[in-house]
C-alpha cells in the first residue's frame, strides 16, 4: 500500500511539472507574440517610408520593444494585382540577433501590411 501511495504521489508530481512547463511555454509564446507585434508595425512603417528604388538597407526600429533591424526586399505583384514585397530583415533585440523572413503588401489606403513573418 505504501508503494502505491508513493507511486501515486510521483505521478501527481510529474503531472504537476508538466502543467507548469506547459503554462511556462504558453506564457513565453504570448510574450513573444506581444513583443513581435510592435516590431511588425515598425517594419510596416519602414517599408512604407522607403523610396521605391531603395530595396536594401532599409532601417527600422521599434521604440516599444527596443528591437531594430535592417531589411532588404524584392517587389512583385500579387495575384490580386496588389504590390507586395518579400523581405528579409535582421532583428537585434534583448533576446539576441535573428533573421526575419516575411511578405508585406500595399493596402488600398497606401499603408503596407505584413502578411507573413517567420523567424529563421
Protein backbone atom coordinates (compact mmCIF):
# COMPACT_ATOMS: atom_id res chain seq x y z
CA UNK A 1 0.00 0.00 0.00
CA UNK A 2 2.86 2.39 0.78
CA UNK A 3 4.35 1.63 -2.62
CA UNK A 4 1.06 2.52 -4.31
CA UNK A 5 0.88 5.76 -2.36
CA UNK A 6 4.45 6.72 -3.34
CA UNK A 7 3.73 5.85 -6.99
CA UNK A 8 0.55 7.97 -6.92
CA UNK A 9 2.42 10.92 -5.41
CA UNK A 10 5.15 10.64 -8.04
CA UNK A 11 2.53 10.57 -10.81
CA UNK A 12 0.81 13.67 -9.41
CA UNK A 13 4.19 15.41 -9.15
CA UNK A 14 5.02 14.58 -12.79
CA UNK A 15 1.63 15.78 -13.97
CA UNK A 16 2.05 18.99 -11.98
CA UNK A 17 5.51 19.57 -13.50
CA UNK A 18 4.06 19.04 -17.00
CA UNK A 19 1.32 21.59 -16.27
CA UNK A 20 3.89 24.11 -15.07
CA UNK A 21 6.02 23.53 -18.16
CA UNK A 22 3.01 23.95 -20.48
CA UNK A 23 1.96 27.18 -18.74
CA UNK A 24 5.53 28.48 -18.96
CA UNK A 25 5.72 27.69 -22.68
CA UNK A 26 2.32 29.33 -23.27
CA UNK A 27 3.42 32.43 -21.37
CA UNK A 28 6.66 32.58 -23.38
CA UNK A 29 4.71 32.28 -26.65
CA UNK A 30 2.30 35.02 -25.59
CA UNK A 31 5.21 37.22 -24.51
CA UNK A 32 6.99 36.66 -27.85
CA UNK A 33 3.78 37.48 -29.78
CA UNK A 34 3.34 40.69 -27.76
CA UNK A 35 6.97 41.60 -28.49
CA UNK A 36 6.72 40.84 -32.21
CA UNK A 37 3.57 42.97 -32.83
CA UNK A 38 5.33 46.34 -32.32
CA UNK A 39 8.22 45.05 -34.45
CA UNK A 40 5.77 44.24 -37.27
CA UNK A 41 4.33 47.76 -37.06
CA UNK A 42 7.86 49.23 -37.27
CA UNK A 43 8.65 47.06 -40.31
CA UNK A 44 5.42 48.17 -42.00
CA UNK A 45 6.30 51.83 -41.41
CA UNK A 46 9.83 51.30 -42.78
CA UNK A 47 8.58 49.63 -45.95
CA UNK A 48 6.02 52.39 -46.49
CA UNK A 49 8.60 55.14 -45.99
CA UNK A 50 11.34 53.55 -48.13
CA UNK A 51 11.79 55.06 -51.58
CA UNK A 52 10.66 52.62 -54.23
CA UNK A 53 14.17 52.33 -55.69
CA UNK A 54 15.69 51.51 -52.26
CA UNK A 55 15.27 47.77 -51.92
CA UNK A 56 18.05 47.13 -49.42
CA UNK A 57 19.49 48.72 -46.34
CA UNK A 58 16.10 49.95 -45.10
CA UNK A 59 16.42 50.54 -41.33
CA UNK A 60 13.61 50.07 -38.83
CA UNK A 61 13.36 50.41 -35.07
CA UNK A 62 10.66 49.72 -32.52
CA UNK A 63 10.80 52.02 -29.50
CA UNK A 64 8.22 49.82 -27.77
CA UNK A 65 10.48 46.75 -27.73
CA UNK A 66 13.94 48.21 -28.26
CA UNK A 67 14.33 45.97 -31.31
CA UNK A 68 15.87 47.25 -34.52
CA UNK A 69 16.99 45.87 -37.84
CA UNK A 70 17.74 46.45 -41.48
CA UNK A 71 15.59 44.97 -44.20
CA UNK A 72 16.00 44.10 -47.85
CA UNK A 73 13.13 43.25 -50.13
CA UNK A 74 12.07 42.32 -53.62
CA UNK A 75 8.93 43.74 -55.17
CA UNK A 76 6.33 41.75 -57.04
CA UNK A 77 2.69 41.82 -58.00
CA UNK A 78 0.28 39.71 -56.02
CA UNK A 79 -2.35 37.55 -57.70
CA UNK A 80 -4.93 40.23 -56.89
CA UNK A 81 -2.81 42.97 -58.53
CA UNK A 82 -1.50 44.45 -55.28
CA UNK A 83 2.15 45.34 -54.96
CA UNK A 84 3.88 43.06 -52.48
CA UNK A 85 7.38 42.92 -51.08
CA UNK A 86 9.04 39.74 -49.90
CA UNK A 87 11.65 40.73 -47.34
CA UNK A 88 14.50 39.55 -45.17
CA UNK A 89 15.43 41.53 -42.10
CA UNK A 90 17.90 41.33 -39.32
CA UNK A 91 16.48 41.91 -35.86
CA UNK A 92 18.52 42.84 -32.84
CA UNK A 93 16.60 42.55 -29.60
CA UNK A 94 17.12 41.80 -25.94
CA UNK A 95 16.83 38.12 -26.92
CA UNK A 96 19.76 38.35 -29.34
CA UNK A 97 20.06 38.64 -33.10
CA UNK A 98 17.91 36.73 -35.55
CA UNK A 99 16.65 36.93 -39.12
CA UNK A 100 13.06 37.56 -40.15
CA UNK A 101 11.60 36.39 -43.45
CA UNK A 102 8.24 37.79 -44.50
CA UNK A 103 5.96 39.41 -47.01
CA UNK A 104 4.14 42.74 -46.94
CA UNK A 105 1.55 44.02 -49.41
CA UNK A 106 0.30 47.53 -50.13
CA UNK A 107 -3.22 48.26 -48.94
CA UNK A 108 -5.61 50.48 -50.86
CA UNK A 109 -5.03 53.36 -48.44
CA UNK A 110 -1.26 53.42 -49.05
CA UNK A 111 -0.29 51.53 -45.91
CA UNK A 112 1.70 48.31 -46.02
CA UNK A 113 0.52 45.22 -44.15
CA UNK A 114 2.82 42.34 -43.19
CA UNK A 115 1.01 39.18 -44.29
CA UNK A 116 3.58 36.64 -43.15
CA UNK A 117 6.56 36.68 -40.84
CA UNK A 118 8.86 33.87 -39.80
CA UNK A 119 11.95 33.81 -37.62
CA UNK A 120 14.89 31.92 -39.08
